[in-house]
Amino acid sequence: MTLPNAAPVGLTMQLPHDRDVVELVDYIISQNRADLPHATKVHNIVREFGMTPIAAESALERVAGGMVLAAFGDGNTTPDCGSDPIAYHSFQRTVERRVAAPM
């Protein structure tokens, strides 16, 4: 992904050429863990990834969607990596954390 404006296209986004979706997902998860106000998270994502505020909001929603599917899905709910890579990687990270730290 190489377009610099980071505008959402469907459920995929264009990121700066030196950043990838996994970095974005990990960054958003770290922002969520820090329990920052929503507006601060949006601001930080815009600054860190050169995204528009609308794209940052969408990325936050996609990460949350992947986490919810991983937490409450029936095992057949994995997001499609091609059409929704942010939710897909968020789902994968959530599953990995659950496996690493069973209750």
N, C-alpha and C. Protein backbone atom coordinates (compact mmCIF):
# COMPACT_ATOMS: atom_id res chain seq x y z
N MET A 1 0.85 -1.17 0.00
CA MET A 1 0.00 0.00 0.00
C MET A 1 0.89 1.23 0.00
N THR A 2 0.71 2.10 -0.98
CA THR A 2 1.67 3.18 -1.11
C THR A 2 1.08 4.58 -1.27
N LEU A 3 -0.20 4.75 -1.34
CA LEU A 3 -0.74 6.09 -1.52
C LEU A 3 -0.59 6.91 -0.24
N PRO A 4 -0.16 8.16 -0.34
CA PRO A 4 0.14 8.94 0.85
C PRO A 4 -1.07 9.54 1.56
N ASN A 5 -2.24 9.61 0.95
CA ASN A 5 -3.35 10.31 1.59
C ASN A 5 -4.12 9.47 2.59
N ALA A 6 -3.90 8.19 2.64
CA ALA A 6 -4.50 7.29 3.63
C ALA A 6 -6.02 7.42 3.69
N ALA A 7 -6.66 7.48 2.55
CA ALA A 7 -8.12 7.56 2.51
C ALA A 7 -8.71 6.16 2.47
N PRO A 8 -9.84 5.94 3.16
CA PRO A 8 -10.44 4.62 3.15
C PRO A 8 -11.01 4.28 1.77
N VAL A 9 -10.85 3.04 1.38
CA VAL A 9 -11.43 2.54 0.13
C VAL A 9 -12.15 1.26 0.52
N GLY A 10 -13.47 1.31 0.65
CA GLY A 10 -14.19 0.16 1.16
C GLY A 10 -13.71 -0.12 2.57
N LEU A 11 -13.27 -1.35 2.81
CA LEU A 11 -12.76 -1.71 4.13
C LEU A 11 -11.24 -1.81 4.13
N THR A 12 -10.61 -1.38 3.05
CA THR A 12 -9.15 -1.34 3.00
C THR A 12 -8.72 0.12 3.03
N MET A 13 -7.47 0.38 3.35
CA MET A 13 -6.95 1.74 3.42
C MET A 13 -5.59 1.80 2.77
N GLN A 14 -5.29 2.95 2.26
CA GLN A 14 -3.97 3.21 1.74
C GLN A 14 -3.14 3.82 2.86
N LEU A 15 -1.99 3.24 3.10
CA LEU A 15 -1.09 3.73 4.14
C LEU A 15 0.17 4.29 3.50
N PRO A 16 0.91 5.12 4.21
CA PRO A 16 2.19 5.58 3.68
C PRO A 16 3.06 4.37 3.33
N HIS A 17 3.90 4.52 2.34
CA HIS A 17 4.68 3.39 1.81
C HIS A 17 5.57 2.71 2.84
N ASP A 18 5.91 3.41 3.90
CA ASP A 18 6.81 2.82 4.90
C ASP A 18 6.06 2.20 6.08
N ARG A 19 4.74 2.10 6.00
CA ARG A 19 3.91 1.54 7.08
C ARG A 19 3.04 0.43 6.52
N ASP A 20 2.68 -0.52 7.38
CA ASP A 20 1.79 -1.58 6.91
C ASP A 20 0.63 -1.78 7.88
N VAL A 21 -0.31 -2.60 7.48
CA VAL A 21 -1.54 -2.80 8.24
C VAL A 21 -1.26 -3.39 9.62
N VAL A 22 -0.32 -4.31 9.71
CA VAL A 22 0.01 -4.92 11.00
C VAL A 22 0.51 -3.84 11.97
N GLU A 23 1.34 -2.94 11.50
CA GLU A 23 1.82 -1.85 12.36
C GLU A 23 0.64 -0.99 12.84
N LEU A 24 -0.27 -0.69 11.92
CA LEU A 24 -1.44 0.11 12.27
C LEU A 24 -2.28 -0.59 13.34
N VAL A 25 -2.55 -1.87 13.13
CA VAL A 25 -3.35 -2.62 14.10
C VAL A 25 -2.65 -2.66 15.46
N ASP A 26 -1.37 -2.96 15.46
CA ASP A 26 -0.63 -3.00 16.73
C ASP A 26 -0.64 -1.64 17.43
N TYR A 27 -0.50 -0.58 16.64
CA TYR A 27 -0.51 0.76 17.22
C TYR A 27 -1.87 1.06 17.85
N ILE A 28 -2.94 0.73 17.15
CA ILE A 28 -4.29 0.99 17.67
C ILE A 28 -4.54 0.17 18.93
N ILE A 29 -4.12 -1.09 18.92
CA ILE A 29 -4.28 -1.91 20.12
C ILE A 29 -3.53 -1.29 21.30
N SER A 30 -2.33 -0.79 21.05
CA SER A 30 -1.57 -0.15 22.14
C SER A 30 -2.28 1.12 22.62
N GLN A 31 -2.89 1.86 21.72
CA GLN A 31 -3.64 3.05 22.11
C GLN A 31 -4.85 2.66 22.96
N ASN A 32 -5.51 1.57 22.58
CA ASN A 32 -6.66 1.09 23.37
C ASN A 32 -6.22 0.64 24.76
N ARG A 33 -5.10 -0.05 24.84
CA ARG A 33 -4.60 -0.53 26.13
C ARG A 33 -4.22 0.63 27.05
N ALA A 34 -3.78 1.74 26.44
CA ALA A 34 -3.41 2.91 27.23
C ALA A 34 -4.64 3.65 27.76
N ASP A 35 -5.82 3.21 27.32
CA ASP A 35 -7.09 3.78 27.79
C ASP A 35 -7.15 5.29 27.55
N LEU A 36 -6.74 5.69 26.37
CA LEU A 36 -6.76 7.10 25.99
C LEU A 36 -8.16 7.52 25.55
N PRO A 37 -8.49 8.79 25.68
CA PRO A 37 -9.76 9.28 25.14
C PRO A 37 -9.80 9.05 23.62
N HIS A 38 -10.99 8.84 23.11
CA HIS A 38 -11.17 8.55 21.70
C HIS A 38 -10.53 9.63 20.82
N ALA A 39 -10.77 10.87 21.12
CA ALA A 39 -10.23 11.96 20.30
C ALA A 39 -8.70 11.94 20.29
N THR A 40 -8.10 11.56 21.40
CA THR A 40 -6.64 11.46 21.46
C THR A 40 -6.14 10.34 20.57
N LYS A 41 -6.84 9.20 20.60
CA LYS A 41 -6.46 8.09 19.73
C LYS A 41 -6.51 8.50 18.26
N VAL A 42 -7.60 9.16 17.88
CA VAL A 42 -7.74 9.60 16.49
C VAL A 42 -6.59 10.54 16.14
N HIS A 43 -6.32 11.50 16.99
CA HIS A 43 -5.23 12.45 16.75
C HIS A 43 -3.89 11.72 16.60
N ASN A 44 -3.63 10.77 17.48
CA ASN A 44 -2.36 10.04 17.43
C ASN A 44 -2.23 9.21 16.16
N ILE A 45 -3.30 8.58 15.73
CA ILE A 45 -3.27 7.78 14.50
C ILE A 45 -3.04 8.68 13.30
N VAL A 46 -3.71 9.82 13.27
CA VAL A 46 -3.51 10.79 12.17
C VAL A 46 -2.06 11.21 12.12
N ARG A 47 -1.50 11.54 13.26
CA ARG A 47 -0.10 11.99 13.32
C ARG A 47 0.87 10.88 12.94
N GLU A 48 0.66 9.71 13.50
CA GLU A 48 1.61 8.60 13.32
C GLU A 48 1.56 7.99 11.91
N PHE A 49 0.37 7.94 11.31
CA PHE A 49 0.22 7.23 10.04
C PHE A 49 -0.16 8.14 8.88
N GLY A 50 -0.26 9.44 9.11
CA GLY A 50 -0.58 10.37 8.03
C GLY A 50 -1.96 10.14 7.44
N MET A 51 -2.88 9.66 8.26
CA MET A 51 -4.23 9.37 7.81
C MET A 51 -5.12 10.58 8.02
N THR A 52 -6.24 10.59 7.32
CA THR A 52 -7.26 11.60 7.60
C THR A 52 -7.99 11.19 8.87
N PRO A 53 -8.63 12.13 9.55
CA PRO A 53 -9.41 11.77 10.73
C PRO A 53 -10.49 10.72 10.43
N ILE A 54 -11.11 10.82 9.27
CA ILE A 54 -12.14 9.84 8.89
C ILE A 54 -11.53 8.46 8.72
N ALA A 55 -10.36 8.38 8.11
CA ALA A 55 -9.68 7.10 7.94
C ALA A 55 -9.24 6.54 9.30
N ALA A 56 -8.79 7.41 10.20
CA ALA A 56 -8.39 6.96 11.54
C ALA A 56 -9.59 6.40 12.29
N GLU A 57 -10.73 7.08 12.19
CA GLU A 57 -11.96 6.59 12.82
C GLU A 57 -12.33 5.21 12.26
N SER A 58 -12.24 5.08 10.97
CA SER A 58 -12.56 3.80 10.33
C SER A 58 -11.61 2.70 10.79
N ALA A 59 -10.34 3.02 10.90
CA ALA A 59 -9.36 2.03 11.36
C ALA A 59 -9.66 1.59 12.79
N LEU A 60 -10.02 2.54 13.64
CA LEU A 60 -10.40 2.19 15.02
C LEU A 60 -11.60 1.24 15.02
N GLU A 61 -12.58 1.53 14.18
CA GLU A 61 -13.77 0.67 14.09
C GLU A 61 -13.42 -0.72 13.59
N ARG A 62 -12.55 -0.82 12.59
CA ARG A 62 -12.18 -2.12 12.03
C ARG A 62 -11.41 -2.95 13.05
N VAL A 63 -10.51 -2.31 13.82
CA VAL A 63 -9.79 -3.04 14.86
C VAL A 63 -10.78 -3.56 15.89
N ALA A 64 -11.70 -2.72 16.32
CA ALA A 64 -12.71 -3.14 17.30
C ALA A 64 -13.54 -4.29 16.74
N GLY A 65 -13.90 -4.21 15.47
CA GLY A 65 -14.69 -5.27 14.85
C GLY A 65 -13.96 -6.60 14.86
N GLY A 66 -12.68 -6.59 14.56
CA GLY A 66 -11.89 -7.82 14.58
C GLY A 66 -11.79 -8.40 15.97
N MET A 67 -11.65 -7.53 16.95
CA MET A 67 -11.55 -7.98 18.34
C MET A 67 -12.87 -8.60 18.81
N VAL A 68 -13.98 -7.99 18.45
CA VAL A 68 -15.29 -8.51 18.84
C VAL A 68 -15.53 -9.87 18.19
N LEU A 69 -15.21 -9.99 16.91
CA LEU A 69 -15.39 -11.28 16.23
C LEU A 69 -14.54 -12.36 16.88
N ALA A 70 -13.34 -12.03 17.26
CA ALA A 70 -12.46 -13.02 17.91
C ALA A 70 -12.98 -13.40 19.29
N ALA A 71 -13.52 -12.44 19.99
CA ALA A 71 -13.98 -12.69 21.35
C ALA A 71 -15.31 -13.44 21.40
N PHE A 72 -16.19 -13.14 20.47
CA PHE A 72 -17.55 -13.67 20.56
C PHE A 72 -17.98 -14.48 19.35
N GLY A 73 -17.10 -14.62 18.36
CA GLY A 73 -17.45 -15.34 17.15
C GLY A 73 -17.56 -16.83 17.38
N ASP A 74 -18.08 -17.50 16.39
CA ASP A 74 -18.30 -18.94 16.51
C ASP A 74 -17.20 -19.77 15.85
N GLY A 75 -16.10 -19.15 15.50
CA GLY A 75 -15.01 -19.86 14.85
C GLY A 75 -15.06 -19.77 13.34
N ASN A 76 -16.20 -19.43 12.80
CA ASN A 76 -16.35 -19.27 11.35
C ASN A 76 -16.48 -17.80 10.97
N THR A 77 -16.04 -16.93 11.84
CA THR A 77 -16.26 -15.50 11.64
C THR A 77 -14.99 -14.73 11.32
N THR A 78 -13.93 -15.42 10.92
CA THR A 78 -12.68 -14.73 10.62
C THR A 78 -12.90 -13.74 9.48
N PRO A 79 -12.55 -12.47 9.69
CA PRO A 79 -12.67 -11.49 8.60
C PRO A 79 -11.77 -11.89 7.42
N ASP A 80 -12.16 -11.50 6.25
CA ASP A 80 -11.38 -11.79 5.05
C ASP A 80 -10.19 -10.84 4.97
N CYS A 81 -9.01 -11.40 4.84
CA CYS A 81 -7.78 -10.60 4.81
C CYS A 81 -7.75 -9.68 3.60
N GLY A 82 -8.26 -10.12 2.49
CA GLY A 82 -8.22 -9.31 1.28
C GLY A 82 -9.17 -8.14 1.30
N SER A 83 -10.37 -8.35 1.81
CA SER A 83 -11.36 -7.28 1.78
C SER A 83 -11.39 -6.44 3.05
N ASP A 84 -10.90 -6.98 4.17
CA ASP A 84 -10.90 -6.23 5.43
C ASP A 84 -9.64 -6.57 6.23
N PRO A 85 -8.48 -6.14 5.72
CA PRO A 85 -7.21 -6.53 6.36
C PRO A 85 -7.05 -6.01 7.78
N ILE A 86 -7.61 -4.88 8.10
CA ILE A 86 -7.46 -4.35 9.45
C ILE A 86 -8.21 -5.23 10.45
N ALA A 87 -9.46 -5.57 10.14
CA ALA A 87 -10.22 -6.46 11.02
C ALA A 87 -9.57 -7.83 11.08
N TYR A 88 -9.07 -8.30 9.96
CA TYR A 88 -8.42 -9.62 9.92
C TYR A 88 -7.23 -9.66 10.88
N HIS A 89 -6.34 -8.68 10.79
CA HIS A 89 -5.15 -8.69 11.64
C HIS A 89 -5.50 -8.43 13.11
N SER A 90 -6.51 -7.62 13.35
CA SER A 90 -6.99 -7.42 14.71
C SER A 90 -7.54 -8.73 15.28
N PHE A 91 -8.32 -9.43 14.49
CA PHE A 91 -8.84 -10.75 14.87
C PHE A 91 -7.70 -11.69 15.21
N GLN A 92 -6.69 -11.75 14.34
CA GLN A 92 -5.55 -12.64 14.57
C GLN A 92 -4.81 -12.29 15.85
N ARG A 93 -4.57 -11.00 16.08
CA ARG A 93 -3.87 -10.57 17.30
C ARG A 93 -4.67 -10.96 18.54
N THR A 94 -5.98 -10.81 18.48
CA THR A 94 -6.83 -11.13 19.62
C THR A 94 -6.80 -12.63 19.90
N VAL A 95 -6.88 -13.43 18.85
CA VAL A 95 -6.82 -14.89 19.01
C VAL A 95 -5.46 -15.29 19.58
N GLU A 96 -4.38 -14.69 19.07
CA GLU A 96 -3.03 -14.99 19.57
C GLU A 96 -2.92 -14.68 21.06
N ARG A 97 -3.46 -13.56 21.48
CA ARG A 97 -3.40 -13.18 22.90
C ARG A 97 -4.20 -14.16 23.76
N ARG A 98 -5.36 -14.60 23.26
CA ARG A 98 -6.17 -15.56 24.02
C ARG A 98 -5.44 -16.89 24.15
N VAL A 99 -4.78 -17.34 23.11
CA VAL A 99 -4.06 -18.60 23.14
C VAL A 99 -2.86 -18.50 24.08
N ALA A 100 -2.18 -17.35 24.05
CA ALA A 100 -0.98 -17.15 24.88
C ALA A 100 -1.32 -17.03 26.37
N ALA A 101 -2.50 -16.55 26.66
CA ALA A 101 -2.88 -16.34 28.07
C ALA A 101 -4.25 -16.94 28.34
N PRO A 102 -4.35 -18.27 28.34
CA PRO A 102 -5.66 -18.88 28.58
C PRO A 102 -6.19 -18.53 29.98
N MET A 103 -7.49 -18.49 30.09
CA MET A 103 -8.12 -18.13 31.36
C MET A 103 -8.16 -19.31 32.29
